[in-house]
PDB file of N, CA and C in Angstrom:
ATOM      1  N   MET A   1     -14.984   2.295  -3.854  1.00  0.00           N
ATOM      2  CA  MET A   1     -15.320   3.339  -2.864  1.00  0.00           C
ATOM      3  C   MET A   1     -14.029   3.532  -1.750  1.00  0.00           C
ATOM      4  N   GLU A   2     -13.686   2.388  -1.318  1.00  0.00           N
ATOM      5  CA  GLU A   2     -12.400   2.670  -0.381  1.00  0.00           C
ATOM      6  C   GLU A   2     -11.123   3.567  -1.257  1.00  0.00           C
ATOM      7  N   ASN A   3     -10.750   3.062  -2.638  1.00  0.00           N
ATOM      8  CA  ASN A   3      -9.953   3.415  -3.160  1.00  0.00           C
ATOM      9  C   ASN A   3     -10.052   4.918  -3.824  1.00  0.00           C
ATOM     10  N   TYR A   4     -11.314   5.609  -3.885  1.00  0.00           N
ATOM     11  CA  TYR A   4     -11.760   6.743  -4.058  1.00  0.00           C
ATOM     12  C   TYR A   4     -11.606   7.484  -2.392  1.00  0.00           C
ATOM     13  N   GLN A   5     -12.001   6.886  -1.489  1.00  0.00           N
ATOM     14  CA  GLN A   5     -11.726   7.613  -0.192  1.00  0.00           C
ATOM     15  C   GLN A   5     -10.106   7.716   0.036  1.00  0.00           C
ATOM     16  N   LEU A   6      -9.400   6.856  -0.258  1.00  0.00           N
ATOM     17  CA  LEU A   6      -8.023   7.001  -0.062  1.00  0.00           C
ATOM     18  C   LEU A   6      -7.217   8.105  -0.780  1.00  0.00           C
ATOM     19  N   SER A   7      -7.888   8.181  -2.172  1.00  0.00           N
ATOM     20  CA  SER A   7      -7.230   9.055  -3.142  1.00  0.00           C
ATOM     21  C   SER A   7      -7.450  10.682  -2.599  1.00  0.00           C
ATOM     22  N   ASN A   8      -8.545  10.372  -1.965  1.00  0.00           N
ATOM     23  CA  ASN A   8      -9.205  12.169  -1.748  1.00  0.00           C
ATOM     24  C   ASN A   8      -8.447  12.309  -0.163  1.00  0.00           C
ATOM     25  N   ASN A   9      -8.623  11.280   0.896  1.00  0.00           N
ATOM     26  CA  ASN A   9      -8.521  11.814   2.487  1.00  0.00           C
ATOM     27  C   ASN A   9      -7.826  10.831   2.754  1.00  0.00           C
ATOM     28  N   GLY A  10      -6.821   9.992   2.164  1.00  0.00           N
ATOM     29  CA  GLY A  10      -5.872   9.052   2.574  1.00  0.00           C
ATOM     30  C   GLY A  10      -4.656   9.813   3.420  1.00  0.00           C
ATOM     31  N   GLU A  11      -4.204   9.076   4.361  1.00  0.00           N
ATOM     32  CA  GLU A  11      -2.977   9.634   5.182  1.00  0.00           C
ATOM     33  C   GLU A  11      -1.682   8.771   4.500  1.00  0.00           C
ATOM     34  N   ILE A  12      -0.613   9.218   4.234  1.00  0.00           N
ATOM     35  CA  ILE A  12       0.532   8.696   3.421  1.00  0.00           C
ATOM     36  C   ILE A  12       1.648   8.052   4.726  1.00  0.00           C
ATOM     37  N   CYS A  13       1.911   7.225   4.456  1.00  0.00           N
ATOM     38  CA  CYS A  13       3.457   6.678   5.446  1.00  0.00           C
ATOM     39  C   CYS A  13       3.987   5.913   4.676  1.00  0.00           C
ATOM     40  N   LYS A  14       5.088   5.434   5.377  1.00  0.00           N
ATOM     41  CA  LYS A  14       6.037   4.412   4.595  1.00  0.00           C
ATOM     42  C   LYS A  14       5.841   2.942   5.312  1.00  0.00           C
ATOM     43  N   ALA A  15       5.931   2.111   4.839  1.00  0.00           N
ATOM     44  CA  ALA A  15       5.495   0.695   4.713  1.00  0.00           C
ATOM     45  C   ALA A  15       6.714   0.184   4.606  1.00  0.00           C
ATOM     46  N   MET A  16       7.025  -0.975   5.128  1.00  0.00           N
ATOM     47  CA  MET A  16       8.372  -1.912   4.993  1.00  0.00           C
ATOM     48  C   MET A  16       7.994  -3.180   4.423  1.00  0.00           C
ATOM     49  N   VAL A  17       8.572  -3.596   3.426  1.00  0.00           N
ATOM     50  CA  VAL A  17       8.195  -5.034   2.341  1.00  0.00           C
ATOM     51  C   VAL A  17       8.824  -5.884   3.393  1.00  0.00           C
ATOM     52  N   VAL A  18       7.553  -7.013   3.497  1.00  0.00           N
ATOM     53  CA  VAL A  18       8.422  -8.046   4.534  1.00  0.00           C
ATOM     54  C   VAL A  18       8.556  -9.438   3.617  1.00  0.00           C
ATOM     55  N   SER A  19       7.933  -9.477   2.692  1.00  0.00           N
ATOM     56  CA  SER A  19       7.908 -10.835   1.451  1.00  0.00           C
ATOM     57  C   SER A  19       7.401 -10.662   0.186  1.00  0.00           C
ATOM     58  N   ARG A  20       7.953 -11.273  -0.800  1.00  0.00           N
ATOM     59  CA  ARG A  20       7.418 -11.156  -2.198  1.00  0.00           C
ATOM     60  C   ARG A  20       7.479 -12.390  -2.813  1.00  0.00           C
ATOM     61  N   MET A  21       6.513 -12.872  -3.481  1.00  0.00           N
ATOM     62  CA  MET A  21       6.434 -13.981  -4.089  1.00  0.00           C
ATOM     63  C   MET A  21       5.475 -14.182  -5.197  1.00  0.00           C
ATOM     64  N   LYS A  22       5.968 -15.263  -6.045  1.00  0.00           N
ATOM     65  CA  LYS A  22       5.125 -15.597  -7.430  1.00  0.00           C
ATOM     66  C   LYS A  22       3.856 -16.092  -6.823  1.00  0.00           C
ATOM     67  N   VAL A  23       2.665 -15.811  -7.193  1.00  0.00           N
ATOM     68  CA  VAL A  23       1.484 -16.340  -7.069  1.00  0.00           C
ATOM     69  C   VAL A  23       0.670 -16.775  -8.472  1.00  0.00           C
ATOM     70  N   GLY A  24       0.182 -17.886  -8.503  1.00  0.00           N
ATOM     71  CA  GLY A  24      -0.701 -18.088  -9.510  1.00  0.00           C
ATOM     72  C   GLY A  24       0.112 -18.416 -10.843  1.00  0.00           C
ATOM     73  N   GLY A  25      -0.389 -18.635 -11.963  1.00  0.00           N
ATOM     74  CA  GLY A  25       0.294 -19.569 -13.143  1.00  0.00           C
ATOM     75  C   GLY A  25       0.648 -18.389 -14.413  1.00  0.00           C
ATOM     76  N   LYS A  26       0.102 -17.080 -13.813  1.00  0.00           N
ATOM     77  CA  LYS A  26       0.592 -16.030 -14.966  1.00  0.00           C
ATOM     78  C   LYS A  26       1.605 -14.923 -14.551  1.00  0.00           C
ATOM     79  N   GLY A  27       2.331 -15.592 -13.532  1.00  0.00           N
ATOM     80  CA  GLY A  27       3.338 -14.612 -12.992  1.00  0.00           C
ATOM     81  C   GLY A  27       3.214 -13.253 -12.353  1.00  0.00           C
ATOM     82  N   THR A  28       2.239 -13.421 -11.638  1.00  0.00           N
ATOM     83  CA  THR A  28       1.739 -12.128 -10.645  1.00  0.00           C
ATOM     84  C   THR A  28       2.661 -12.273  -9.762  1.00  0.00           C
ATOM     85  N   ILE A  29       3.306 -11.140  -9.267  1.00  0.00           N
ATOM     86  CA  ILE A  29       4.232 -11.075  -7.885  1.00  0.00           C
ATOM     87  C   ILE A  29       3.114 -10.327  -6.894  1.00  0.00           C
ATOM     88  N   ARG A  30       3.287 -11.023  -5.612  1.00  0.00           N
ATOM     89  CA  ARG A  30       2.758 -10.353  -4.611  1.00  0.00           C
ATOM     90  C   ARG A  30       3.536  -9.972  -3.692  1.00  0.00           C
ATOM     91  N   VAL A  31       3.661  -8.803  -3.285  1.00  0.00           N
ATOM     92  CA  VAL A  31       4.323  -7.857  -2.199  1.00  0.00           C
ATOM     93  C   VAL A  31       3.533  -7.558  -1.074  1.00  0.00           C
ATOM     94  N   ASP A  32       3.779  -8.401   0.408  1.00  0.00           N
ATOM     95  CA  ASP A  32       3.597  -8.036   1.787  1.00  0.00           C
ATOM     96  C   ASP A  32       4.091  -7.053   2.195  1.00  0.00           C
ATOM     97  N   TYR A  33       3.628  -5.781   2.719  1.00  0.00           N
ATOM     98  CA  TYR A  33       3.997  -4.738   3.451  1.00  0.00           C
ATOM     99  C   TYR A  33       3.419  -4.746   4.741  1.00  0.00           C
ATOM    100  N   ARG A  34       4.066  -4.053   6.053  1.00  0.00           N
ATOM    101  CA  ARG A  34       3.867  -3.825   7.121  1.00  0.00           C
ATOM    102  C   ARG A  34       4.135  -2.250   7.491  1.00  0.00           C
ATOM    103  N   PHE A  35       2.911  -1.793   8.337  1.00  0.00           N
ATOM    104  CA  PHE A  35       3.388  -0.375   8.602  1.00  0.00           C
ATOM    105  C   PHE A  35       2.812  -0.213  10.105  1.00  0.00           C
ATOM    106  N   ASN A  36       3.072   0.962  10.731  1.00  0.00           N
ATOM    107  CA  ASN A  36       2.586   1.185  12.398  1.00  0.00           C
ATOM    108  C   ASN A  36       1.821   2.525  12.520  1.00  0.00           C
ATOM    109  N   VAL A  37       0.636   2.654  13.046  1.00  0.00           N
ATOM    110  CA  VAL A  37      -0.251   3.928  13.237  1.00  0.00           C
ATOM    111  C   VAL A  37      -0.553   3.569  14.617  1.00  0.00           C
ATOM    112  N   ASN A  38      -0.297   4.720  15.462  1.00  0.00           N
ATOM    113  CA  ASN A  38      -0.384   4.809  17.031  1.00  0.00           C
ATOM    114  C   ASN A  38       0.200   3.466  17.439  1.00  0.00           C
ATOM    115  N   TYR A  39       1.076   3.525  17.231  1.00  0.00           N
ATOM    116  CA  TYR A  39       1.661   1.886  17.792  1.00  0.00           C
ATOM    117  C   TYR A  39       1.222   0.617  17.596  1.00  0.00           C
ATOM    118  N   LYS A  40       0.474   0.446  16.561  1.00  0.00           N
ATOM    119  CA  LYS A  40      -0.315  -0.816  16.219  1.00  0.00           C
ATOM    120  C   LYS A  40       0.093  -1.035  14.835  1.00  0.00           C
ATOM    121  N   GLU A  41       0.571  -2.127  14.574  1.00  0.00           N
ATOM    122  CA  GLU A  41       0.900  -2.523  13.452  1.00  0.00           C
ATOM    123  C   GLU A  41       0.028  -3.056  12.217  1.00  0.00           C
ATOM    124  N   TYR A  42      -0.194  -2.808  11.092  1.00  0.00           N
ATOM    125  CA  TYR A  42      -1.088  -3.082  10.048  1.00  0.00           C
ATOM    126  C   TYR A  42      -0.406  -3.673   9.016  1.00  0.00           C
ATOM    127  N   SER A  43      -1.080  -4.500   7.934  1.00  0.00           N
ATOM    128  CA  SER A  43      -0.353  -5.261   6.739  1.00  0.00           C
ATOM    129  C   SER A  43      -1.336  -4.579   5.607  1.00  0.00           C
ATOM    130  N   GLY A  44      -0.755  -5.003   4.263  1.00  0.00           N
ATOM    131  CA  GLY A  44      -1.528  -4.920   3.274  1.00  0.00           C
ATOM    132  C   GLY A  44      -0.618  -5.663   2.229  1.00  0.00           C
ATOM    133  N   VAL A  45      -1.239  -5.571   1.101  1.00  0.00           N
ATOM    134  CA  VAL A  45      -0.563  -6.260  -0.033  1.00  0.00           C
ATOM    135  C   VAL A  45      -0.625  -5.610  -1.517  1.00  0.00           C
ATOM    136  N   VAL A  46       0.393  -5.697  -2.394  1.00  0.00           N
ATOM    137  CA  VAL A  46       0.404  -5.050  -3.667  1.00  0.00           C
ATOM    138  C   VAL A  46       0.686  -5.873  -4.458  1.00  0.00           C
ATOM    139  N   ASN A  47       0.140  -6.005  -5.686  1.00  0.00           N
ATOM    140  CA  ASN A  47       0.746  -6.967  -6.653  1.00  0.00           C
ATOM    141  C   ASN A  47       1.330  -6.382  -7.884  1.00  0.00           C
ATOM    142  N   ASN A  48       2.575  -7.164  -8.169  1.00  0.00           N
ATOM    143  CA  ASN A  48       2.968  -6.706  -9.755  1.00  0.00           C
ATOM    144  C   ASN A  48       3.492  -5.105  -9.341  1.00  0.00           C
ATOM    145  N   GLU A  49       4.111  -4.669  -8.406  1.00  0.00           N
ATOM    146  CA  GLU A  49       4.897  -3.563  -8.431  1.00  0.00           C
ATOM    147  C   GLU A  49       6.338  -4.015  -7.783  1.00  0.00           C
ATOM    148  N   GLU A  50       7.400  -3.535  -8.429  1.00  0.00           N
ATOM    149  CA  GLU A  50       9.052  -3.730  -8.172  1.00  0.00           C
ATOM    150  C   GLU A  50       9.416  -3.534  -6.828  1.00  0.00           C
ATOM    151  N   TYR A  51       8.859  -4.054  -5.808  1.00  0.00           N
ATOM    152  CA  TYR A  51       9.663  -3.814  -4.551  1.00  0.00           C
ATOM    153  C   TYR A  51       9.960  -5.307  -3.958  1.00  0.00           C
ATOM    154  N   TYR A  52      11.312  -5.362  -3.100  1.00  0.00           N
ATOM    155  CA  TYR A  52      11.824  -6.288  -2.552  1.00  0.00           C
ATOM    156  C   TYR A  52      12.144  -6.281  -1.091  1.00  0.00           C
ATOM    157  N   ASN A  53      11.835  -7.352  -0.440  1.00  0.00           N
ATOM    158  CA  ASN A  53      12.283  -7.672   1.070  1.00  0.00           C
ATOM    159  C   ASN A  53      13.041  -6.256   1.479  1.00  0.00           C
ATOM    160  N   GLY A  54      12.780  -5.765   2.561  1.00  0.00           N
ATOM    161  CA  GLY A  54      13.433  -4.890   3.141  1.00  0.00           C
ATOM    162  C   GLY A  54      13.227  -3.223   2.501  1.00  0.00           C
ATOM    163  N   ASP A  55      12.599  -3.126   1.267  1.00  0.00           N
ATOM    164  CA  ASP A  55      12.274  -1.976   0.719  1.00  0.00           C
ATOM    165  C   ASP A  55      11.181  -1.106   1.640  1.00  0.00           C
ATOM    166  N   SER A  56      11.515   0.051   1.149  1.00  0.00           N
ATOM    167  CA  SER A  56      10.278   1.272   1.949  1.00  0.00           C
ATOM    168  C   SER A  56       9.091   1.366   0.709  1.00  0.00           C
ATOM    169  N   ILE A  57       8.040   1.482   1.208  1.00  0.00           N
ATOM    170  CA  ILE A  57       7.138   1.424  -0.142  1.00  0.00           C
ATOM    171  C   ILE A  57       6.027   2.941   0.880  1.00  0.00           C
ATOM    172  N   ASN A  58       5.726   3.626   0.041  1.00  0.00           N
ATOM    173  CA  ASN A  58       4.761   4.667   0.334  1.00  0.00           C
ATOM    174  C   ASN A  58       3.108   4.242   0.124  1.00  0.00           C
ATOM    175  N   ILE A  59       2.473   4.271   1.292  1.00  0.00           N
ATOM    176  CA  ILE A  59       1.281   3.818   1.125  1.00  0.00           C
ATOM    177  C   ILE A  59       0.071   4.955   1.690  1.00  0.00           C
ATOM    178  N   LEU A  60      -1.024   4.503   1.185  1.00  0.00           N
ATOM    179  CA  LEU A  60      -2.107   5.634   1.898  1.00  0.00           C
ATOM    180  C   LEU A  60      -3.211   4.782   2.747  1.00  0.00           C
ATOM    181  N   TYR A  61      -3.632   5.350   3.800  1.00  0.00           N
ATOM    182  CA  TYR A  61      -4.538   4.557   4.749  1.00  0.00           C
ATOM    183  C   TYR A  61      -5.519   5.590   5.120  1.00  0.00           C
ATOM    184  N   LEU A  62      -6.601   5.014   5.640  1.00  0.00           N
ATOM    185  CA  LEU A  62      -7.551   5.701   6.049  1.00  0.00           C
ATOM    186  C   LEU A  62      -7.403   6.012   7.703  1.00  0.00           C
ATOM    187  N   GLU A  63      -7.783   7.142   8.102  1.00  0.00           N
ATOM    188  CA  GLU A  63      -7.012   7.710   9.265  1.00  0.00           C
ATOM    189  C   GLU A  63      -7.850   6.482  10.618  1.00  0.00           C
ATOM    190  N   LYS A  64      -9.365   6.513  10.099  1.00  0.00           N
ATOM    191  CA  LYS A  64     -10.143   6.019  10.824  1.00  0.00           C
ATOM    192  C   LYS A  64      -9.912   4.540  10.990  1.00  0.00           C
ATOM    193  N   SER A  65      -9.523   4.098   9.564  1.00  0.00           N
ATOM    194  CA  SER A  65      -9.627   2.684   9.648  1.00  0.00           C
ATOM    195  C   SER A  65      -8.266   2.096   8.780  1.00  0.00           C
ATOM    196  N   PRO A  66      -6.797   2.545   9.634  1.00  0.00           N
ATOM    197  CA  PRO A  66      -5.596   1.834   8.774  1.00  0.00           C
ATOM    198  C   PRO A  66      -5.821   0.772   8.218  1.00  0.00           C
ATOM    199  N   GLU A  67      -7.005  -0.294   8.558  1.00  0.00           N
ATOM    200  CA  GLU A  67      -6.373  -1.510   7.933  1.00  0.00           C
ATOM    201  C   GLU A  67      -7.037  -1.256   6.532  1.00  0.00           C
ATOM    202  N   ILE A  68      -7.553  -0.485   5.863  1.00  0.00           N
ATOM    203  CA  ILE A  68      -7.868   0.010   4.558  1.00  0.00           C
ATOM    204  C   ILE A  68      -6.685   0.876   4.202  1.00  0.00           C
ATOM    205  N   ASN A  69      -6.153   0.430   3.290  1.00  0.00           N
ATOM    206  CA  ASN A  69      -4.695   0.703   2.781  1.00  0.00           C
ATOM    207  C   ASN A  69      -4.387   0.406   1.552  1.00  0.00           C
ATOM    208  N   ARG A  70      -3.783   0.912   0.482  1.00  0.00           N
ATOM    209  CA  ARG A  70      -3.215   0.562  -0.743  1.00  0.00           C
ATOM    210  C   ARG A  70      -1.869   1.310  -0.943  1.00  0.00           C
ATOM    211  N   SER A  71      -0.775   0.870  -1.690  1.00  0.00           N
ATOM    212  CA  SER A  71       0.216   1.535  -2.256  1.00  0.00           C
ATOM    213  C   SER A  71      -0.343   2.944  -2.695  1.00  0.00           C
ATOM    214  N   TYR A  72       0.800   3.624  -2.405  1.00  0.00           N
ATOM    215  CA  TYR A  72       0.639   5.135  -3.220  1.00  0.00           C
ATOM    216  C   TYR A  72       0.572   5.135  -4.818  1.00  0.00           C
ATOM    217  N   ASN A  73       1.120   4.317  -5.128  1.00  0.00           N
ATOM    218  CA  ASN A  73       1.598   4.210  -6.712  1.00  0.00           C
ATOM    219  C   ASN A  73       0.364   3.623  -7.404  1.00  0.00           C
ATOM    220  N   PHE A  74      -0.309   2.435  -6.785  1.00  0.00           N
ATOM    221  CA  PHE A  74      -1.285   1.852  -7.207  1.00  0.00           C
ATOM    222  C   PHE A  74      -2.645   3.359  -7.029  1.00  0.00           C
ATOM    223  N   ILE A  75      -2.686   4.217  -6.306  1.00  0.00           N
ATOM    224  CA  ILE A  75      -3.873   5.239  -6.081  1.00  0.00           C
ATOM    225  C   ILE A  75      -3.353   6.123  -7.140  1.00  0.00           C
ATOM    226  N   LYS A  76      -2.087   6.732  -7.311  1.00  0.00           N
ATOM    227  CA  LYS A  76      -1.623   7.556  -8.194  1.00  0.00           C
ATOM    228  C   LYS A  76      -2.163   7.258  -9.439  1.00  0.00           C
ATOM    229  N   GLU A  77      -1.579   5.827 -10.147  1.00  0.00           N
ATOM    230  CA  GLU A  77      -1.723   5.626 -11.448  1.00  0.00           C
ATOM    231  C   GLU A  77      -3.310   5.270 -11.741  1.00  0.00           C
ATOM    232  N   ASN A  78      -4.394   5.064 -10.890  1.00  0.00           N
ATOM    233  CA  ASN A  78      -5.627   4.949 -11.154  1.00  0.00           C
ATOM    234  C   ASN A  78      -6.744   5.561 -10.825  1.00  0.00           C
ATOM    235  N   TYR A  79      -6.272   6.843  -9.813  1.00  0.00           N
ATOM    236  CA  TYR A  79      -7.266   7.824  -9.539  1.00  0.00           C
ATOM    237  C   TYR A  79      -6.506   9.157  -9.467  1.00  0.00           C
ATOM    238  N   LYS A  80      -7.606  10.388  -9.594  1.00  0.00           N
ATOM    239  CA  LYS A  80      -7.071  11.506  -9.251  1.00  0.00           C
ATOM    240  C   LYS A  80      -6.474  11.874  -7.939  1.00  0.00           C
ATOM    241  N   THR A  81      -5.560  12.040  -7.252  1.00  0.00           N
ATOM    242  CA  THR A  81      -5.224  12.716  -6.065  1.00  0.00           C
ATOM    243  C   THR A  81      -4.123  13.567  -6.101  1.00  0.00           C
ATOM    244  N   GLN A  82      -4.525  14.494  -5.178  1.00  0.00           N
ATOM    245  CA  GLN A  82      -3.583  15.700  -4.463  1.00  0.00           C
ATOM    246  C   GLN A  82      -2.713  15.472  -3.661  1.00  0.00           C
ATOM    247  N   ILE A  83      -2.522  14.234  -3.067  1.00  0.00           N
ATOM    248  CA  ILE A  83      -1.789  13.557  -2.002  1.00  0.00           C
ATOM    249  C   ILE A  83      -0.347  13.548  -2.513  1.00  0.00           C
ATOM    250  N   ILE A  84       0.538  14.159  -1.917  1.00  0.00           N
ATOM    251  CA  ILE A  84       1.775  13.905  -2.592  1.00  0.00           C
ATOM    252  C   ILE A  84       3.073  13.483  -1.261  1.00  0.00           C
ATOM    253  N   PRO A  85       3.921  12.420  -1.540  1.00  0.00           N
ATOM    254  CA  PRO A  85       4.579  11.917  -0.477  1.00  0.00           C
ATOM    255  C   PRO A  85       5.597  12.830  -0.144  1.00  0.00           C
TER     256      PRO A  85
END
């Protein structure tokens, strides 16, 4: 439900990658990012995308609940969206 809402009504912004690490035994790469909305910092996680510390990443968030956010690439690849960065 959240992903569907993001694909249709999400706000797009830039986030900064703050960490990248291998997790689990199957080689999953976890990337943590942070972004600001109305002077408040939020964070999110994306798995298996090629980002490194300091990279900029496009994310989608819900305007009324920025803590609900995903990588733009994840939404674009898995859901139909008309949102363009």
